[in-house]
Amino acid sequence: MAKGLGLTVLLALLPAALGQLNTAARVAGKKYFGTATNEFQFSDAPYLAELNNTQDFGQLTPANAMKWELTELVQGQFTFENASLVVEQARNHGQLLRGHTCVWHTQLPSWVSTGGFDKKTLLSVVDKHCSTVVGHFKGQMYSWDVVNEPFNEDGTFRETVFYNTTGTDYIESALRAAHHADPQTKLYINDYNIDGTGPKSDAMYNLVKSLKKKGVPIHGIGVQGHLVVGTVPTTIEENFRKFASLGVEIAITELDIRMETPATEALLAQQKEDYKTVISACKNVPACIGVTVWDWTDKYSWIPGVFPTEGAALPWDENLEKKPAYYGTLEAFLGH
């Protein structure tokens, strides 16, 4: 095929399915391109129709339904109704599932965060929660974000109720409990701002290295990928190769690249290049097994609710129309 051939012409010469993200990711040797989603969005028919498009999405992550406050709001009383809707949605369309998340300091019930448990008791609480949640979905999940966001930006451990009470023992306890509950699922530690090299990435590397040395089950590093247009790290591939040297998988788990709104043509063009940079890094490192966007349309993005002047972070806009970022992602997977 002629070098420099425009993407529009290229896609016209290829099977239609290859011009969609999950298919292109699979052709590039990855397991999936996927998205986070929430069960309440399934009533949006146009949204659901695209979510069902397995040529774009080969994997789903429940964005909220499996978090602690939504699965065990009252100690010992578990509920999986909303989570099961996402699981059923994926299973009905042959999509892989990533579980998210067993242990996180946010969206945590007060009985955990202010329960005043001693170390032994809190470790047993972590064990029971992880065992029950992971065990409930045994055999259905490709992987689990077992521990979420354990680090500060400088690479020190975040001072949560778990760390303050147990040190780092809660991490090992959660991983062992999850593995016992479902020995076949891949277990990840997941964090943000570990895309490129730096102290936080070094801390993740050192933690996983130490866990593996102790024989703790750990199979993957989740790189969230909450990034800002024009400031995407230049060392992503280098960092991924360093993580891969530990013998674990890498997945981009929550990708979005936000900008100051309203969006302009210049910002959208830069966003396209930024998506290409991130996806290319994953494509070039065999241990990077897949990419998940944190929902696929700006209509349901979390960002404006947290960063009121920012948004437009996803490959589809609020009207479910593909943006330049979609085509940047496609170009990266196709090596164009």
C-alpha atoms as a PDB file:
ATOM      1  CA  MET A   1       0.000   0.000   0.000  1.00  0.00           C
ATOM      2  CA  ALA A   2       1.419   3.388  -0.926  1.00  0.00           C
ATOM      3  CA  LYS A   3       3.279   5.207   1.825  1.00  0.00           C
ATOM      4  CA  GLY A   4       1.474   8.313   2.988  1.00  0.00           C
ATOM      5  CA  LEU A   5      -1.916   7.125   1.740  1.00  0.00           C
ATOM      6  CA  GLY A   6      -4.611   9.172   3.481  1.00  0.00           C
ATOM      7  CA  LEU A   7      -6.617   7.421   6.188  1.00  0.00           C
ATOM      8  CA  THR A   8      -9.894   7.952   4.342  1.00  0.00           C
ATOM      9  CA  VAL A   9      -8.529   6.217   1.252  1.00  0.00           C
ATOM     10  CA  LEU A  10      -6.879   3.520   3.360  1.00  0.00           C
ATOM     11  CA  LEU A  11     -10.121   2.653   5.120  1.00  0.00           C
ATOM     12  CA  ALA A  12     -11.989   2.533   1.839  1.00  0.00           C
ATOM     13  CA  LEU A  13      -9.632  -0.212   0.699  1.00  0.00           C
ATOM     14  CA  LEU A  14      -9.941  -2.286   3.859  1.00  0.00           C
ATOM     15  CA  PRO A  15     -12.804  -4.390   5.244  1.00  0.00           C
ATOM     16  CA  ALA A  16     -15.270  -2.103   7.023  1.00  0.00           C
ATOM     17  CA  ALA A  17     -14.700  -3.768  10.388  1.00  0.00           C
ATOM     18  CA  LEU A  18     -11.007  -2.910  10.302  1.00  0.00           C
ATOM     19  CA  GLY A  19     -11.982   0.750  10.416  1.00  0.00           C
ATOM     20  CA  GLN A  20     -13.260   0.312  13.972  1.00  0.00           C
ATOM     21  CA  LEU A  21     -11.287   0.390  17.179  1.00  0.00           C
ATOM     22  CA  ASN A  22     -11.597  -3.057  18.720  1.00  0.00           C
ATOM     23  CA  THR A  23     -11.044  -4.782  15.396  1.00  0.00           C
ATOM     24  CA  ALA A  24      -8.001  -2.613  14.712  1.00  0.00           C
ATOM     25  CA  ALA A  25      -6.661  -3.300  18.219  1.00  0.00           C
ATOM     26  CA  ARG A  26      -7.008  -7.050  17.657  1.00  0.00           C
ATOM     27  CA  VAL A  27      -5.229  -6.797  14.294  1.00  0.00           C
ATOM     28  CA  ALA A  28      -2.449  -4.913  16.137  1.00  0.00           C
ATOM     29  CA  GLY A  29      -2.043  -7.896  18.468  1.00  0.00           C
ATOM     30  CA  LYS A  30      -3.983  -6.569  21.451  1.00  0.00           C
ATOM     31  CA  LYS A  31      -6.733  -8.397  23.330  1.00  0.00           C
ATOM     32  CA  TYR A  32      -9.263  -5.580  23.155  1.00  0.00           C
ATOM     33  CA  PHE A  33     -10.247  -1.965  22.873  1.00  0.00           C
ATOM     34  CA  GLY A  34     -12.945  -1.293  25.440  1.00  0.00           C
ATOM     35  CA  THR A  35     -14.858   1.209  27.499  1.00  0.00           C
ATOM     36  CA  ALA A  36     -16.124   1.845  30.974  1.00  0.00           C
ATOM     37  CA  THR A  37     -19.888   2.138  31.308  1.00  0.00           C
ATOM     38  CA  ASN A  38     -22.675   2.536  33.856  1.00  0.00           C
ATOM     39  CA  GLU A  39     -25.825   0.467  33.906  1.00  0.00           C
ATOM     40  CA  PHE A  40     -28.128   3.494  34.147  1.00  0.00           C
ATOM     41  CA  GLN A  41     -26.926   4.583  30.711  1.00  0.00           C
ATOM     42  CA  PHE A  42     -28.404   1.468  29.097  1.00  0.00           C
ATOM     43  CA  SER A  43     -31.772   3.257  28.825  1.00  0.00           C
ATOM     44  CA  ASP A  44     -30.152   5.610  26.285  1.00  0.00           C
ATOM     45  CA  ALA A  45     -30.916   3.675  23.095  1.00  0.00           C
ATOM     46  CA  PRO A  46     -28.388   5.350  20.754  1.00  0.00           C
ATOM     47  CA  TYR A  47     -25.688   4.983  23.402  1.00  0.00           C
ATOM     48  CA  LEU A  48     -26.531   1.328  23.935  1.00  0.00           C
ATOM     49  CA  ALA A  49     -26.504   0.610  20.214  1.00  0.00           C
ATOM     50  CA  GLU A  50     -22.899   1.763  19.937  1.00  0.00           C
ATOM     51  CA  LEU A  51     -21.916   0.049  23.200  1.00  0.00           C
ATOM     52  CA  ASN A  52     -23.141  -3.187  21.591  1.00  0.00           C
ATOM     53  CA  ASN A  53     -20.845  -2.633  18.616  1.00  0.00           C
ATOM     54  CA  THR A  54     -18.153  -5.205  19.248  1.00  0.00           C
ATOM     55  CA  GLN A  55     -16.128  -3.945  16.313  1.00  0.00           C
ATOM     56  CA  ASP A  56     -15.465  -0.841  18.423  1.00  0.00           C
ATOM     57  CA  PHE A  57     -15.702  -2.355  21.914  1.00  0.00           C
ATOM     58  CA  GLY A  58     -14.396  -5.776  22.872  1.00  0.00           C
ATOM     59  CA  GLN A  59     -14.327  -5.142  26.615  1.00  0.00           C
ATOM     60  CA  LEU A  60     -16.411  -3.400  29.297  1.00  0.00           C
ATOM     61  CA  THR A  61     -15.544  -2.084  32.763  1.00  0.00           C
ATOM     62  CA  PRO A  62     -18.289  -1.227  35.282  1.00  0.00           C
ATOM     63  CA  ALA A  63     -17.331   2.369  36.082  1.00  0.00           C
ATOM     64  CA  ASN A  64     -18.997   2.430  39.496  1.00  0.00           C
ATOM     65  CA  ALA A  65     -21.189  -0.593  40.169  1.00  0.00           C
ATOM     66  CA  MET A  66     -18.482  -2.801  41.705  1.00  0.00           C
ATOM     67  CA  LYS A  67     -17.004  -0.214  44.079  1.00  0.00           C
ATOM     68  CA  TRP A  68     -17.182  -0.869  47.806  1.00  0.00           C
ATOM     69  CA  GLU A  69     -20.026   1.516  48.704  1.00  0.00           C
ATOM     70  CA  LEU A  70     -22.159  -0.016  45.956  1.00  0.00           C
ATOM     71  CA  THR A  71     -21.471  -3.650  46.811  1.00  0.00           C
ATOM     72  CA  GLU A  72     -21.173  -3.616  50.630  1.00  0.00           C
ATOM     73  CA  LEU A  73     -22.690  -0.386  51.947  1.00  0.00           C
ATOM     74  CA  VAL A  74     -23.579  -2.151  55.202  1.00  0.00           C
ATOM     75  CA  GLN A  75     -21.030  -4.527  56.652  1.00  0.00           C
ATOM     76  CA  GLY A  76     -21.687  -8.085  55.571  1.00  0.00           C
ATOM     77  CA  GLN A  77     -24.641  -7.171  53.345  1.00  0.00           C
ATOM     78  CA  PHE A  78     -23.598  -7.556  49.705  1.00  0.00           C
ATOM     79  CA  THR A  79     -25.540  -6.457  46.652  1.00  0.00           C
ATOM     80  CA  PHE A  80     -24.584  -7.071  43.033  1.00  0.00           C
ATOM     81  CA  GLU A  81     -27.722  -6.078  41.134  1.00  0.00           C
ATOM     82  CA  ASN A  82     -26.254  -3.103  39.244  1.00  0.00           C
ATOM     83  CA  ALA A  83     -22.903  -4.775  38.688  1.00  0.00           C
ATOM     84  CA  SER A  84     -24.647  -7.817  37.268  1.00  0.00           C
ATOM     85  CA  LEU A  85     -26.383  -5.658  34.654  1.00  0.00           C
ATOM     86  CA  VAL A  86     -23.002  -4.638  33.245  1.00  0.00           C
ATOM     87  CA  VAL A  87     -21.739  -8.221  33.413  1.00  0.00           C
ATOM     88  CA  GLU A  88     -24.836  -9.444  31.574  1.00  0.00           C
ATOM     89  CA  GLN A  89     -24.455  -6.702  28.980  1.00  0.00           C
ATOM     90  CA  ALA A  90     -20.900  -7.817  28.223  1.00  0.00           C
ATOM     91  CA  ARG A  91     -21.674 -11.528  28.243  1.00  0.00           C
ATOM     92  CA  ASN A  92     -24.591 -11.067  25.844  1.00  0.00           C
ATOM     93  CA  HIS A  93     -22.199  -9.539  23.309  1.00  0.00           C
ATOM     94  CA  GLY A  94     -19.104 -11.646  23.906  1.00  0.00           C
ATOM     95  CA  GLN A  95     -17.150  -8.754  25.433  1.00  0.00           C
ATOM     96  CA  LEU A  96     -14.391  -9.240  27.997  1.00  0.00           C
ATOM     97  CA  LEU A  97     -14.872  -7.793  31.483  1.00  0.00           C
ATOM     98  CA  ARG A  98     -12.518  -5.945  33.817  1.00  0.00           C
ATOM     99  CA  GLY A  99     -13.607  -5.773  37.458  1.00  0.00           C
ATOM    100  CA  HIS A 100     -13.214  -2.385  39.144  1.00  0.00           C
ATOM    101  CA  THR A 101     -12.338  -2.179  42.043  1.00  0.00           C
ATOM    102  CA  CYS A 102     -11.903  -4.132  45.296  1.00  0.00           C
ATOM    103  CA  VAL A 103      -9.946  -1.731  47.526  1.00  0.00           C
ATOM    104  CA  TRP A 104      -9.985   2.040  47.008  1.00  0.00           C
ATOM    105  CA  HIS A 105      -9.973   4.919  49.463  1.00  0.00           C
ATOM    106  CA  THR A 106     -12.827   6.724  47.659  1.00  0.00           C
ATOM    107  CA  GLN A 107     -16.495   5.679  47.394  1.00  0.00           C
ATOM    108  CA  LEU A 108     -15.900   3.810  50.610  1.00  0.00           C
ATOM    109  CA  PRO A 109     -18.645   3.227  53.208  1.00  0.00           C
ATOM    110  CA  SER A 110     -18.239   5.093  56.482  1.00  0.00           C
ATOM    111  CA  TRP A 111     -18.233   1.827  58.411  1.00  0.00           C
ATOM    112  CA  VAL A 112     -14.883   1.110  56.752  1.00  0.00           C
ATOM    113  CA  SER A 113     -13.348   4.592  56.631  1.00  0.00           C
ATOM    114  CA  THR A 114     -14.281   5.570  60.206  1.00  0.00           C
ATOM    115  CA  GLY A 115     -14.794   2.149  61.750  1.00  0.00           C
ATOM    116  CA  GLY A 116     -11.754   2.363  63.992  1.00  0.00           C
ATOM    117  CA  PHE A 117     -10.697  -1.211  63.238  1.00  0.00           C
ATOM    118  CA  ASP A 118      -7.361  -2.510  64.451  1.00  0.00           C
ATOM    119  CA  LYS A 119      -4.927  -3.977  61.939  1.00  0.00           C
ATOM    120  CA  LYS A 120      -6.007  -7.599  62.267  1.00  0.00           C
ATOM    121  CA  THR A 121      -9.691  -6.754  61.986  1.00  0.00           C
ATOM    122  CA  LEU A 122      -9.288  -4.413  59.017  1.00  0.00           C
ATOM    123  CA  LEU A 123      -7.244  -7.019  57.155  1.00  0.00           C
ATOM    124  CA  SER A 124     -10.045  -9.516  57.749  1.00  0.00           C
ATOM    125  CA  VAL A 125     -12.561  -6.944  56.439  1.00  0.00           C
ATOM    126  CA  VAL A 126     -10.453  -6.478  53.286  1.00  0.00           C
ATOM    127  CA  ASP A 127     -10.142 -10.244  52.897  1.00  0.00           C
ATOM    128  CA  LYS A 128     -13.878 -10.836  53.197  1.00  0.00           C
ATOM    129  CA  HIS A 129     -14.823  -7.987  50.864  1.00  0.00           C
ATOM    130  CA  CYS A 130     -12.386  -8.998  48.119  1.00  0.00           C
ATOM    131  CA  SER A 131     -13.177 -12.691  48.477  1.00  0.00           C
ATOM    132  CA  THR A 132     -16.912 -12.111  48.273  1.00  0.00           C
ATOM    133  CA  VAL A 133     -16.944  -9.616  45.394  1.00  0.00           C
ATOM    134  CA  VAL A 134     -14.391 -11.413  43.228  1.00  0.00           C
ATOM    135  CA  GLY A 135     -15.875 -14.793  44.121  1.00  0.00           C
ATOM    136  CA  HIS A 136     -19.375 -13.674  43.127  1.00  0.00           C
ATOM    137  CA  PHE A 137     -18.178 -13.103  39.560  1.00  0.00           C
ATOM    138  CA  LYS A 138     -15.797 -16.071  39.448  1.00  0.00           C
ATOM    139  CA  GLY A 139     -15.088 -17.256  35.938  1.00  0.00           C
ATOM    140  CA  GLN A 140     -16.635 -14.183  34.307  1.00  0.00           C
ATOM    141  CA  MET A 141     -13.887 -11.549  34.542  1.00  0.00           C
ATOM    142  CA  TYR A 142     -10.770 -11.286  32.419  1.00  0.00           C
ATOM    143  CA  SER A 143      -9.121  -9.181  35.121  1.00  0.00           C
ATOM    144  CA  TRP A 144      -9.667  -7.165  38.310  1.00  0.00           C
ATOM    145  CA  ASP A 145      -8.317  -3.834  39.529  1.00  0.00           C
ATOM    146  CA  VAL A 146      -7.791  -5.256  43.010  1.00  0.00           C
ATOM    147  CA  VAL A 147      -6.055  -2.229  44.533  1.00  0.00           C
ATOM    148  CA  ASN A 148      -6.739   1.240  43.153  1.00  0.00           C
ATOM    149  CA  GLU A 149      -4.591   4.367  43.533  1.00  0.00           C
ATOM    150  CA  PRO A 150      -2.247   3.375  46.377  1.00  0.00           C
ATOM    151  CA  PHE A 151       0.339   6.120  45.708  1.00  0.00           C
ATOM    152  CA  ASN A 152       0.866   9.838  46.165  1.00  0.00           C
ATOM    153  CA  GLU A 153       2.429  11.840  43.333  1.00  0.00           C
ATOM    154  CA  ASP A 154       5.883  11.658  44.922  1.00  0.00           C
ATOM    155  CA  GLY A 155       5.762   7.871  45.074  1.00  0.00           C
ATOM    156  CA  THR A 156       5.001   7.579  48.775  1.00  0.00           C
ATOM    157  CA  PHE A 157       2.033   5.487  49.838  1.00  0.00           C
ATOM    158  CA  ARG A 158      -1.254   7.325  50.095  1.00  0.00           C
ATOM    159  CA  GLU A 159      -2.348   7.728  53.704  1.00  0.00           C
ATOM    160  CA  THR A 160      -5.716   5.994  53.624  1.00  0.00           C
ATOM    161  CA  VAL A 161      -7.531   4.087  56.345  1.00  0.00           C
ATOM    162  CA  PHE A 162      -5.981   0.952  54.856  1.00  0.00           C
ATOM    163  CA  TYR A 163      -2.382   2.191  54.839  1.00  0.00           C
ATOM    164  CA  ASN A 164      -2.613   4.033  58.142  1.00  0.00           C
ATOM    165  CA  THR A 165      -3.934   0.909  59.859  1.00  0.00           C
ATOM    166  CA  THR A 166      -2.088  -1.922  58.116  1.00  0.00           C
ATOM    167  CA  GLY A 167       0.871  -0.373  56.306  1.00  0.00           C
ATOM    168  CA  THR A 168       1.161  -2.088  52.926  1.00  0.00           C
ATOM    169  CA  ASP A 169      -0.185  -5.395  54.246  1.00  0.00           C
ATOM    170  CA  TYR A 170      -3.669  -4.621  52.910  1.00  0.00           C
ATOM    171  CA  ILE A 171      -2.321  -4.822  49.354  1.00  0.00           C
ATOM    172  CA  GLU A 172      -1.014  -8.347  49.824  1.00  0.00           C
ATOM    173  CA  SER A 173      -4.158  -9.368  51.705  1.00  0.00           C
ATOM    174  CA  ALA A 174      -6.432  -8.078  48.934  1.00  0.00           C
ATOM    175  CA  LEU A 175      -4.447  -9.774  46.167  1.00  0.00           C
ATOM    176  CA  ARG A 176      -4.286 -13.112  47.955  1.00  0.00           C
ATOM    177  CA  ALA A 177      -8.006 -13.004  48.741  1.00  0.00           C
ATOM    178  CA  ALA A 178      -8.886 -12.170  45.140  1.00  0.00           C
ATOM    179  CA  HIS A 179      -6.666 -14.949  43.811  1.00  0.00           C
ATOM    180  CA  HIS A 180      -8.160 -17.483  46.197  1.00  0.00           C
ATOM    181  CA  ALA A 181     -11.669 -16.429  45.142  1.00  0.00           C
ATOM    182  CA  ASP A 182     -10.937 -16.699  41.398  1.00  0.00           C
ATOM    183  CA  PRO A 183      -7.572 -18.251  40.539  1.00  0.00           C
ATOM    184  CA  GLN A 184      -8.073 -17.720  36.795  1.00  0.00           C
ATOM    185  CA  THR A 185      -8.623 -13.950  36.728  1.00  0.00           C
ATOM    186  CA  LYS A 186      -5.740 -11.523  36.188  1.00  0.00           C
ATOM    187  CA  LEU A 187      -5.052  -9.298  39.201  1.00  0.00           C
ATOM    188  CA  TYR A 188      -3.966  -5.675  38.697  1.00  0.00           C
ATOM    189  CA  ILE A 189      -2.874  -2.692  40.741  1.00  0.00           C
ATOM    190  CA  ASN A 190      -4.240   0.440  39.078  1.00  0.00           C
ATOM    191  CA  ASP A 191      -3.173   4.098  39.371  1.00  0.00           C
ATOM    192  CA  TYR A 192      -3.071   7.437  37.540  1.00  0.00           C
ATOM    193  CA  ASN A 193      -0.066   9.546  36.542  1.00  0.00           C
ATOM    194  CA  ILE A 194       2.082   6.464  36.027  1.00  0.00           C
ATOM    195  CA  ASP A 195       1.939   6.804  32.239  1.00  0.00           C
ATOM    196  CA  GLY A 196       5.465   8.138  31.796  1.00  0.00           C
ATOM    197  CA  THR A 197       8.595   7.706  33.872  1.00  0.00           C
ATOM    198  CA  GLY A 198       8.818   9.426  37.251  1.00  0.00           C
ATOM    199  CA  PRO A 199       8.680   8.828  41.009  1.00  0.00           C
ATOM    200  CA  LYS A 200       5.121   7.492  41.013  1.00  0.00           C
ATOM    201  CA  SER A 201       5.887   5.046  38.204  1.00  0.00           C
ATOM    202  CA  ASP A 202       9.058   3.994  40.026  1.00  0.00           C
ATOM    203  CA  ALA A 203       7.000   3.343  43.143  1.00  0.00           C
ATOM    204  CA  MET A 204       4.601   1.115  41.208  1.00  0.00           C
ATOM    205  CA  TYR A 205       7.522  -0.757  39.658  1.00  0.00           C
ATOM    206  CA  ASN A 206       9.116  -1.297  43.063  1.00  0.00           C
ATOM    207  CA  LEU A 207       5.860  -2.407  44.667  1.00  0.00           C
ATOM    208  CA  VAL A 208       5.100  -4.979  41.979  1.00  0.00           C
ATOM    209  CA  LYS A 209       8.696  -6.195  42.032  1.00  0.00           C
ATOM    210  CA  SER A 210       8.537  -6.710  45.803  1.00  0.00           C
ATOM    211  CA  LEU A 211       5.166  -8.474  45.619  1.00  0.00           C
ATOM    212  CA  LYS A 212       6.431 -10.861  42.962  1.00  0.00           C
ATOM    213  CA  LYS A 213       9.545 -11.570  45.025  1.00  0.00           C
ATOM    214  CA  LYS A 214       7.278 -12.547  47.946  1.00  0.00           C
ATOM    215  CA  GLY A 215       5.155 -14.780  45.733  1.00  0.00           C
ATOM    216  CA  VAL A 216       2.066 -12.589  45.992  1.00  0.00           C
ATOM    217  CA  PRO A 217      -0.273 -13.064  43.002  1.00  0.00           C
ATOM    218  CA  ILE A 218       0.023  -9.958  40.811  1.00  0.00           C
ATOM    219  CA  HIS A 219      -0.424 -10.161  37.053  1.00  0.00           C
ATOM    220  CA  GLY A 220      -0.815  -6.633  35.755  1.00  0.00           C
ATOM    221  CA  ILE A 221      -0.255  -2.908  36.124  1.00  0.00           C
ATOM    222  CA  GLY A 222      -3.207  -0.703  35.259  1.00  0.00           C
ATOM    223  CA  VAL A 223      -2.202   2.672  33.799  1.00  0.00           C
ATOM    224  CA  GLN A 224      -5.289   4.849  34.048  1.00  0.00           C
ATOM    225  CA  GLY A 225      -4.393   7.466  31.442  1.00  0.00           C
ATOM    226  CA  HIS A 226      -6.309  10.508  32.705  1.00  0.00           C
ATOM    227  CA  LEU A 227      -4.301  13.030  30.692  1.00  0.00           C
ATOM    228  CA  VAL A 228      -4.415  16.641  29.494  1.00  0.00           C
ATOM    229  CA  VAL A 229      -4.219  17.744  25.864  1.00  0.00           C
ATOM    230  CA  GLY A 230      -0.760  18.987  24.933  1.00  0.00           C
ATOM    231  CA  THR A 231       0.955  17.591  28.032  1.00  0.00           C
ATOM    232  CA  VAL A 232       1.032  13.848  27.327  1.00  0.00           C
ATOM    233  CA  PRO A 233       4.311  12.317  28.575  1.00  0.00           C
ATOM    234  CA  THR A 234       6.964  11.491  25.981  1.00  0.00           C
ATOM    235  CA  THR A 235       8.260   8.498  27.968  1.00  0.00           C
ATOM    236  CA  ILE A 236       5.182   6.246  27.918  1.00  0.00           C
ATOM    237  CA  GLU A 237       6.705   3.507  25.782  1.00  0.00           C
ATOM    238  CA  GLU A 238       9.923   3.556  27.803  1.00  0.00           C
ATOM    239  CA  ASN A 239       7.926   3.271  31.007  1.00  0.00           C
ATOM    240  CA  PHE A 240       5.770   0.442  29.655  1.00  0.00           C
ATOM    241  CA  ARG A 241       8.889  -1.504  28.706  1.00  0.00           C
ATOM    242  CA  LYS A 242      10.205  -1.077  32.239  1.00  0.00           C
ATOM    243  CA  PHE A 243       6.938  -2.373  33.690  1.00  0.00           C
ATOM    244  CA  ALA A 244       6.980  -5.245  31.208  1.00  0.00           C
ATOM    245  CA  SER A 245      10.416  -6.308  32.455  1.00  0.00           C
ATOM    246  CA  LEU A 246       8.667  -7.445  35.643  1.00  0.00           C
ATOM    247  CA  GLY A 247       6.857 -10.135  33.686  1.00  0.00           C
ATOM    248  CA  VAL A 248       3.397  -8.623  34.135  1.00  0.00           C
ATOM    249  CA  GLU A 249       0.732  -7.360  31.751  1.00  0.00           C
ATOM    250  CA  ILE A 250       0.080  -3.671  31.237  1.00  0.00           C
ATOM    251  CA  ALA A 251      -3.321  -2.248  30.367  1.00  0.00           C
ATOM    252  CA  ILE A 252      -4.413   1.324  29.765  1.00  0.00           C
ATOM    253  CA  THR A 253      -7.497   1.224  31.939  1.00  0.00           C
ATOM    254  CA  GLU A 254      -9.244   4.631  32.067  1.00  0.00           C
ATOM    255  CA  LEU A 255      -8.059   6.674  29.097  1.00  0.00           C
ATOM    256  CA  ASP A 256      -9.349  10.173  28.477  1.00  0.00           C
ATOM    257  CA  ILE A 257      -7.450  13.284  27.389  1.00  0.00           C
ATOM    258  CA  ARG A 258      -9.200  16.449  28.504  1.00  0.00           C
ATOM    259  CA  MET A 259      -8.979  20.034  27.294  1.00  0.00           C
ATOM    260  CA  GLU A 260     -10.198  23.482  28.210  1.00  0.00           C
ATOM    261  CA  THR A 261     -13.691  23.873  26.835  1.00  0.00           C
ATOM    262  CA  PRO A 262     -15.224  24.822  24.523  1.00  0.00           C
ATOM    263  CA  ALA A 263     -13.207  22.656  22.154  1.00  0.00           C
ATOM    264  CA  THR A 264     -11.480  24.286  19.206  1.00  0.00           C
ATOM    265  CA  GLU A 265     -10.203  22.767  15.975  1.00  0.00           C
ATOM    266  CA  ALA A 266      -6.643  23.272  17.202  1.00  0.00           C
ATOM    267  CA  LEU A 267      -7.302  21.504  20.509  1.00  0.00           C
ATOM    268  CA  LEU A 268      -9.113  18.647  18.767  1.00  0.00           C
ATOM    269  CA  ALA A 269      -6.186  18.266  16.369  1.00  0.00           C
ATOM    270  CA  GLN A 270      -3.745  18.149  19.277  1.00  0.00           C
ATOM    271  CA  GLN A 271      -5.984  15.684  21.090  1.00  0.00           C
ATOM    272  CA  LYS A 272      -5.868  13.426  18.039  1.00  0.00           C
ATOM    273  CA  GLU A 273      -2.062  13.451  18.148  1.00  0.00           C
ATOM    274  CA  ASP A 274      -2.111  12.800  21.898  1.00  0.00           C
ATOM    275  CA  TYR A 275      -4.349   9.760  21.467  1.00  0.00           C
ATOM    276  CA  LYS A 276      -1.989   8.523  18.760  1.00  0.00           C
ATOM    277  CA  THR A 277       0.961   8.911  21.131  1.00  0.00           C
ATOM    278  CA  VAL A 278      -0.682   6.897  23.902  1.00  0.00           C
ATOM    279  CA  ILE A 279      -2.086   4.167  21.659  1.00  0.00           C
ATOM    280  CA  SER A 280       1.190   3.830  19.753  1.00  0.00           C
ATOM    281  CA  ALA A 281       3.072   3.265  23.003  1.00  0.00           C
ATOM    282  CA  CYS A 282       0.721   0.414  23.857  1.00  0.00           C
ATOM    283  CA  LYS A 283       0.881  -0.973  20.329  1.00  0.00           C
ATOM    284  CA  ASN A 284       4.674  -1.036  20.414  1.00  0.00           C
ATOM    285  CA  VAL A 285       4.950  -2.935  23.710  1.00  0.00           C
ATOM    286  CA  PRO A 286       3.685  -6.518  23.487  1.00  0.00           C
ATOM    287  CA  ALA A 287       2.972  -6.667  27.229  1.00  0.00           C
ATOM    288  CA  CYS A 288       0.407  -3.880  26.833  1.00  0.00           C
ATOM    289  CA  ILE A 289      -2.634  -6.026  26.195  1.00  0.00           C
ATOM    290  CA  GLY A 290      -5.455  -3.520  25.730  1.00  0.00           C
ATOM    291  CA  VAL A 291      -6.904  -0.043  26.066  1.00  0.00           C
ATOM    292  CA  THR A 292     -10.074   1.062  27.862  1.00  0.00           C
ATOM    293  CA  VAL A 293     -11.508   4.579  27.578  1.00  0.00           C
ATOM    294  CA  TRP A 294     -13.342   5.923  30.635  1.00  0.00           C
ATOM    295  CA  ASP A 295     -16.637   5.845  28.837  1.00  0.00           C
ATOM    296  CA  TRP A 296     -16.520   6.564  25.142  1.00  0.00           C
ATOM    297  CA  THR A 297     -18.639   9.684  24.696  1.00  0.00           C
ATOM    298  CA  ASP A 298     -18.296  13.163  26.191  1.00  0.00           C
ATOM    299  CA  LYS A 299     -22.002  12.897  27.016  1.00  0.00           C
ATOM    300  CA  TYR A 300     -21.185  10.705  30.010  1.00  0.00           C
ATOM    301  CA  SER A 301     -17.670  11.856  30.905  1.00  0.00           C
ATOM    302  CA  TRP A 302     -16.860  12.367  34.592  1.00  0.00           C
ATOM    303  CA  ILE A 303     -14.527  15.277  33.869  1.00  0.00           C
ATOM    304  CA  PRO A 304     -16.822  18.348  33.741  1.00  0.00           C
ATOM    305  CA  GLY A 305     -18.223  17.368  37.128  1.00  0.00           C
ATOM    306  CA  VAL A 306     -14.743  17.460  38.659  1.00  0.00           C
ATOM    307  CA  PHE A 307     -12.988  20.008  36.416  1.00  0.00           C
ATOM    308  CA  PRO A 308     -15.785  22.470  35.499  1.00  0.00           C
ATOM    309  CA  THR A 309     -13.820  24.320  32.786  1.00  0.00           C
ATOM    310  CA  GLU A 310     -12.513  21.149  31.146  1.00  0.00           C
ATOM    311  CA  GLY A 311     -13.921  18.238  29.172  1.00  0.00           C
ATOM    312  CA  ALA A 312     -14.276  17.002  25.576  1.00  0.00           C
ATOM    313  CA  ALA A 313     -11.888  14.216  26.573  1.00  0.00           C
ATOM    314  CA  LEU A 314     -13.214  11.200  24.685  1.00  0.00           C
ATOM    315  CA  PRO A 315     -13.170   9.888  21.086  1.00  0.00           C
ATOM    316  CA  TRP A 316     -16.890  10.607  20.565  1.00  0.00           C
ATOM    317  CA  ASP A 317     -18.557  13.952  21.283  1.00  0.00           C
ATOM    318  CA  GLU A 318     -21.749  14.602  23.276  1.00  0.00           C
ATOM    319  CA  ASN A 319     -23.831  13.819  20.191  1.00  0.00           C
ATOM    320  CA  LEU A 320     -22.119  10.423  19.815  1.00  0.00           C
ATOM    321  CA  GLU A 321     -20.245  11.641  16.734  1.00  0.00           C
ATOM    322  CA  LYS A 322     -16.681  10.485  16.159  1.00  0.00           C
ATOM    323  CA  LYS A 323     -14.015  13.112  16.815  1.00  0.00           C
ATOM    324  CA  PRO A 324     -10.487  13.385  15.398  1.00  0.00           C
ATOM    325  CA  ALA A 325      -9.323  11.446  18.484  1.00  0.00           C
ATOM    326  CA  TYR A 326     -11.224   8.408  17.211  1.00  0.00           C
ATOM    327  CA  TYR A 327      -9.274   8.469  13.971  1.00  0.00           C
ATOM    328  CA  GLY A 328      -6.009   9.136  15.800  1.00  0.00           C
ATOM    329  CA  THR A 329      -6.624   5.990  17.830  1.00  0.00           C
ATOM    330  CA  LEU A 330      -7.407   4.061  14.672  1.00  0.00           C
ATOM    331  CA  GLU A 331      -4.319   5.350  12.891  1.00  0.00           C
ATOM    332  CA  ALA A 332      -2.118   4.316  15.804  1.00  0.00           C
ATOM    333  CA  PHE A 333      -3.444   0.767  15.887  1.00  0.00           C
ATOM    334  CA  LEU A 334      -3.128   0.457  12.106  1.00  0.00           C
ATOM    335  CA  GLY A 335       0.386   1.874  12.189  1.00  0.00           C
ATOM    336  CA  HIS A 336      -0.527   4.673   9.796  1.00  0.00           C
END
